[in-house]
Amino acid sequence: MNASIVDEAIVSRMSVRAFTDQAVARADIEAILQVASRAPSGTNCQPWKVYVLQGGIKNALVDKVCAAHDAIRANPALAAEYQEEYDYYP
């Protein structure tokens, strides 16, 4: 089998999730966060902070994150501006 055919099949694949505009119930969010709060983290330092956003402020954040992703994709050197806050494995 020609390796370039296999390579093309791999790089041309794409998976996209379909999300709806339906809001997630606050009780569901709270239940998810309650369970997640017990999950281990890298080196068990549990450094997370959780923010739940809805509406316009959520959309503004999504736009900023997507713009940063697009900028890094266009110029990978920009990735140096986005470093992890914690050095999990020094």
N, C-alpha and C. Protein backbone atom coordinates (compact mmCIF):
# COMPACT_ATOMS: atom_id res chain seq x y z
N MET A 1 0.84 -1.18 0.00
CA MET A 1 0.00 0.00 0.00
C MET A 1 0.89 1.24 0.00
N ASN A 2 0.48 2.22 -0.74
CA ASN A 2 1.23 3.47 -0.84
C ASN A 2 1.07 4.27 0.45
N ALA A 3 2.21 4.60 1.09
CA ALA A 3 2.18 5.32 2.37
C ALA A 3 1.53 6.69 2.23
N SER A 4 1.66 7.35 1.09
CA SER A 4 1.07 8.68 0.94
C SER A 4 -0.46 8.61 0.97
N ILE A 5 -1.02 7.49 0.53
CA ILE A 5 -2.48 7.32 0.58
C ILE A 5 -2.92 7.23 2.05
N VAL A 6 -2.17 6.47 2.83
CA VAL A 6 -2.48 6.34 4.25
C VAL A 6 -2.31 7.68 4.94
N ASP A 7 -1.21 8.37 4.65
CA ASP A 7 -0.97 9.68 5.25
C ASP A 7 -2.10 10.64 4.91
N GLU A 8 -2.54 10.65 3.68
CA GLU A 8 -3.62 11.53 3.26
C GLU A 8 -4.92 11.19 3.99
N ALA A 9 -5.19 9.92 4.15
CA ALA A 9 -6.40 9.51 4.86
C ALA A 9 -6.37 9.99 6.31
N ILE A 10 -5.20 9.93 6.92
CA ILE A 10 -5.08 10.34 8.32
C ILE A 10 -5.21 11.86 8.45
N VAL A 11 -4.47 12.62 7.66
CA VAL A 11 -4.48 14.08 7.82
C VAL A 11 -5.76 14.73 7.31
N SER A 12 -6.52 14.04 6.51
CA SER A 12 -7.75 14.64 5.99
C SER A 12 -8.96 14.37 6.89
N ARG A 13 -8.80 13.53 7.90
CA ARG A 13 -9.91 13.24 8.81
C ARG A 13 -10.20 14.43 9.70
N MET A 14 -11.46 14.55 10.06
CA MET A 14 -11.85 15.65 10.91
C MET A 14 -13.04 15.21 11.76
N SER A 15 -13.04 15.60 13.01
CA SER A 15 -14.15 15.27 13.89
C SER A 15 -14.67 16.57 14.49
N VAL A 16 -15.95 16.80 14.34
CA VAL A 16 -16.56 18.03 14.84
C VAL A 16 -17.76 17.65 15.68
N ARG A 17 -17.82 18.19 16.88
CA ARG A 17 -18.97 17.92 17.74
C ARG A 17 -20.10 18.86 17.37
N ALA A 18 -21.28 18.37 17.48
CA ALA A 18 -22.46 19.19 17.23
C ALA A 18 -23.04 19.61 18.58
N PHE A 19 -23.03 20.89 18.85
CA PHE A 19 -23.59 21.42 20.08
C PHE A 19 -24.88 22.14 19.77
N THR A 20 -25.73 22.23 20.74
CA THR A 20 -26.98 22.96 20.57
C THR A 20 -26.89 24.28 21.33
N ASP A 21 -27.86 25.14 21.10
CA ASP A 21 -27.93 26.41 21.83
C ASP A 21 -28.67 26.25 23.15
N GLN A 22 -29.10 25.04 23.45
CA GLN A 22 -29.86 24.80 24.68
C GLN A 22 -28.96 24.97 25.90
N ALA A 23 -29.42 25.77 26.84
CA ALA A 23 -28.64 26.02 28.06
C ALA A 23 -28.59 24.74 28.91
N VAL A 24 -27.49 24.60 29.64
CA VAL A 24 -27.35 23.49 30.57
C VAL A 24 -27.93 23.95 31.91
N ALA A 25 -28.74 23.14 32.50
CA ALA A 25 -29.39 23.49 33.76
C ALA A 25 -28.35 23.71 34.86
N ARG A 26 -28.57 24.72 35.68
CA ARG A 26 -27.64 25.04 36.76
C ARG A 26 -27.40 23.82 37.66
N ALA A 27 -28.46 23.06 37.95
CA ALA A 27 -28.30 21.87 38.80
C ALA A 27 -27.35 20.86 38.16
N ASP A 28 -27.40 20.72 36.84
CA ASP A 28 -26.49 19.81 36.14
C ASP A 28 -25.05 20.31 36.25
N ILE A 29 -24.86 21.60 36.07
CA ILE A 29 -23.52 22.18 36.17
C ILE A 29 -22.96 21.97 37.58
N GLU A 30 -23.79 22.23 38.58
CA GLU A 30 -23.34 22.05 39.95
C GLU A 30 -23.00 20.60 40.25
N ALA A 31 -23.78 19.67 39.73
CA ALA A 31 -23.51 18.24 39.95
C ALA A 31 -22.20 17.83 39.28
N ILE A 32 -21.97 18.31 38.08
CA ILE A 32 -20.72 18.00 37.36
C ILE A 32 -19.53 18.54 38.12
N LEU A 33 -19.63 19.79 38.59
CA LEU A 33 -18.52 20.40 39.32
C LEU A 33 -18.27 19.72 40.66
N GLN A 34 -19.34 19.26 41.30
CA GLN A 34 -19.18 18.54 42.58
C GLN A 34 -18.36 17.27 42.38
N VAL A 35 -18.66 16.51 41.34
CA VAL A 35 -17.91 15.29 41.06
C VAL A 35 -16.48 15.64 40.62
N ALA A 36 -16.35 16.63 39.74
CA ALA A 36 -15.03 17.01 39.21
C ALA A 36 -14.10 17.51 40.32
N SER A 37 -14.66 18.10 41.36
CA SER A 37 -13.82 18.63 42.44
C SER A 37 -13.05 17.53 43.17
N ARG A 38 -13.46 16.30 43.01
CA ARG A 38 -12.81 15.17 43.66
C ARG A 38 -11.79 14.47 42.76
N ALA A 39 -11.66 14.95 41.52
CA ALA A 39 -10.75 14.30 40.57
C ALA A 39 -9.31 14.69 40.85
N PRO A 40 -8.38 13.76 40.65
CA PRO A 40 -6.97 14.10 40.83
C PRO A 40 -6.47 14.98 39.68
N SER A 41 -5.37 15.66 39.94
CA SER A 41 -4.76 16.49 38.90
C SER A 41 -3.31 16.07 38.75
N GLY A 42 -2.64 16.67 37.74
CA GLY A 42 -1.22 16.39 37.56
C GLY A 42 -0.46 16.76 38.82
N THR A 43 0.31 15.87 39.33
CA THR A 43 1.08 16.00 40.57
C THR A 43 0.20 16.32 41.78
N ASN A 44 -1.09 16.10 41.65
CA ASN A 44 -2.08 16.30 42.70
C ASN A 44 -2.03 17.69 43.32
N CYS A 45 -1.71 18.71 42.52
CA CYS A 45 -1.68 20.07 43.05
C CYS A 45 -3.01 20.79 42.88
N GLN A 46 -3.93 20.22 42.14
CA GLN A 46 -5.27 20.73 41.93
C GLN A 46 -5.31 22.26 41.78
N PRO A 47 -4.72 22.77 40.71
CA PRO A 47 -4.56 24.22 40.54
C PRO A 47 -5.73 24.93 39.89
N TRP A 48 -6.82 24.24 39.64
CA TRP A 48 -7.87 24.81 38.82
C TRP A 48 -8.72 25.86 39.54
N LYS A 49 -9.26 26.70 38.72
CA LYS A 49 -10.30 27.64 39.13
C LYS A 49 -11.40 27.45 38.09
N VAL A 50 -12.63 27.46 38.51
CA VAL A 50 -13.74 27.21 37.60
C VAL A 50 -14.60 28.46 37.49
N TYR A 51 -14.87 28.83 36.26
CA TYR A 51 -15.76 29.94 35.97
C TYR A 51 -16.84 29.43 35.03
N VAL A 52 -18.07 29.69 35.34
CA VAL A 52 -19.17 29.28 34.47
C VAL A 52 -19.75 30.55 33.88
N LEU A 53 -19.70 30.64 32.56
CA LEU A 53 -20.17 31.84 31.86
C LEU A 53 -21.36 31.50 30.99
N GLN A 54 -22.23 32.48 30.82
CA GLN A 54 -23.37 32.32 29.93
C GLN A 54 -23.56 33.61 29.15
N GLY A 55 -24.31 33.51 28.08
CA GLY A 55 -24.72 34.69 27.33
C GLY A 55 -23.58 35.44 26.66
N GLY A 56 -23.70 36.75 26.65
CA GLY A 56 -22.74 37.60 25.94
C GLY A 56 -21.32 37.50 26.43
N ILE A 57 -21.13 37.41 27.75
CA ILE A 57 -19.76 37.32 28.28
C ILE A 57 -19.10 36.01 27.86
N LYS A 58 -19.89 34.92 27.81
CA LYS A 58 -19.36 33.63 27.33
C LYS A 58 -18.97 33.76 25.86
N ASN A 59 -19.85 34.36 25.07
CA ASN A 59 -19.57 34.51 23.64
C ASN A 59 -18.33 35.37 23.40
N ALA A 60 -18.13 36.42 24.19
CA ALA A 60 -16.94 37.26 24.06
C ALA A 60 -15.68 36.46 24.36
N LEU A 61 -15.73 35.62 25.40
CA LEU A 61 -14.57 34.79 25.73
C LEU A 61 -14.29 33.78 24.63
N VAL A 62 -15.34 33.15 24.12
CA VAL A 62 -15.18 32.20 23.01
C VAL A 62 -14.50 32.87 21.83
N ASP A 63 -14.94 34.09 21.50
CA ASP A 63 -14.34 34.82 20.39
C ASP A 63 -12.86 35.08 20.62
N LYS A 64 -12.48 35.46 21.85
CA LYS A 64 -11.07 35.72 22.17
C LYS A 64 -10.22 34.45 22.08
N VAL A 65 -10.76 33.35 22.61
CA VAL A 65 -10.02 32.08 22.57
C VAL A 65 -9.84 31.62 21.12
N CYS A 66 -10.89 31.73 20.32
CA CYS A 66 -10.80 31.33 18.92
C CYS A 66 -9.81 32.22 18.16
N ALA A 67 -9.80 33.51 18.46
CA ALA A 67 -8.86 34.42 17.81
C ALA A 67 -7.42 34.07 18.18
N ALA A 68 -7.19 33.73 19.45
CA ALA A 68 -5.85 33.33 19.88
C ALA A 68 -5.43 32.04 19.18
N HIS A 69 -6.35 31.09 19.09
CA HIS A 69 -6.05 29.82 18.39
C HIS A 69 -5.70 30.09 16.94
N ASP A 70 -6.50 30.90 16.27
CA ASP A 70 -6.25 31.21 14.87
C ASP A 70 -4.91 31.91 14.68
N ALA A 71 -4.58 32.83 15.61
CA ALA A 71 -3.31 33.55 15.52
C ALA A 71 -2.13 32.60 15.68
N ILE A 72 -2.22 31.68 16.63
CA ILE A 72 -1.13 30.71 16.84
C ILE A 72 -1.02 29.76 15.66
N ARG A 73 -2.15 29.39 15.11
CA ARG A 73 -2.11 28.50 13.94
C ARG A 73 -1.41 29.20 12.77
N ALA A 74 -1.66 30.50 12.62
CA ALA A 74 -1.04 31.26 11.54
C ALA A 74 0.43 31.56 11.84
N ASN A 75 0.76 31.69 13.13
CA ASN A 75 2.14 32.02 13.52
C ASN A 75 2.47 31.24 14.80
N PRO A 76 2.99 30.01 14.68
CA PRO A 76 3.25 29.16 15.85
C PRO A 76 4.17 29.79 16.89
N ALA A 77 4.97 30.78 16.51
CA ALA A 77 5.86 31.43 17.48
C ALA A 77 5.06 32.14 18.57
N LEU A 78 3.83 32.50 18.29
CA LEU A 78 2.99 33.17 19.29
C LEU A 78 2.64 32.25 20.46
N ALA A 79 2.80 30.96 20.30
CA ALA A 79 2.47 30.01 21.37
C ALA A 79 3.28 30.29 22.62
N ALA A 80 4.46 30.91 22.47
CA ALA A 80 5.29 31.23 23.63
C ALA A 80 4.58 32.20 24.58
N GLU A 81 3.61 32.95 24.08
CA GLU A 81 2.86 33.89 24.92
C GLU A 81 1.84 33.20 25.80
N TYR A 82 1.56 31.93 25.52
CA TYR A 82 0.55 31.19 26.25
C TYR A 82 1.21 30.02 26.96
N GLN A 83 1.73 30.28 28.13
CA GLN A 83 2.43 29.25 28.89
C GLN A 83 1.55 28.76 30.04
N GLU A 84 1.78 27.53 30.45
CA GLU A 84 1.06 26.99 31.59
C GLU A 84 1.42 27.78 32.84
N GLU A 85 0.44 27.99 33.69
CA GLU A 85 0.68 28.73 34.92
C GLU A 85 1.51 27.92 35.91
N TYR A 86 1.36 26.60 35.86
CA TYR A 86 2.06 25.72 36.78
C TYR A 86 3.01 24.82 36.02
N ASP A 87 4.20 24.64 36.56
CA ASP A 87 5.16 23.71 35.99
C ASP A 87 4.95 22.37 36.69
N TYR A 88 4.09 21.53 36.09
CA TYR A 88 3.70 20.28 36.72
C TYR A 88 4.86 19.31 36.90
N TYR A 89 5.73 19.27 35.94
CA TYR A 89 6.81 18.29 35.97
C TYR A 89 8.15 19.00 35.77
N PRO A 90 8.64 19.66 36.82
CA PRO A 90 9.91 20.40 36.69
C PRO A 90 11.09 19.49 36.48
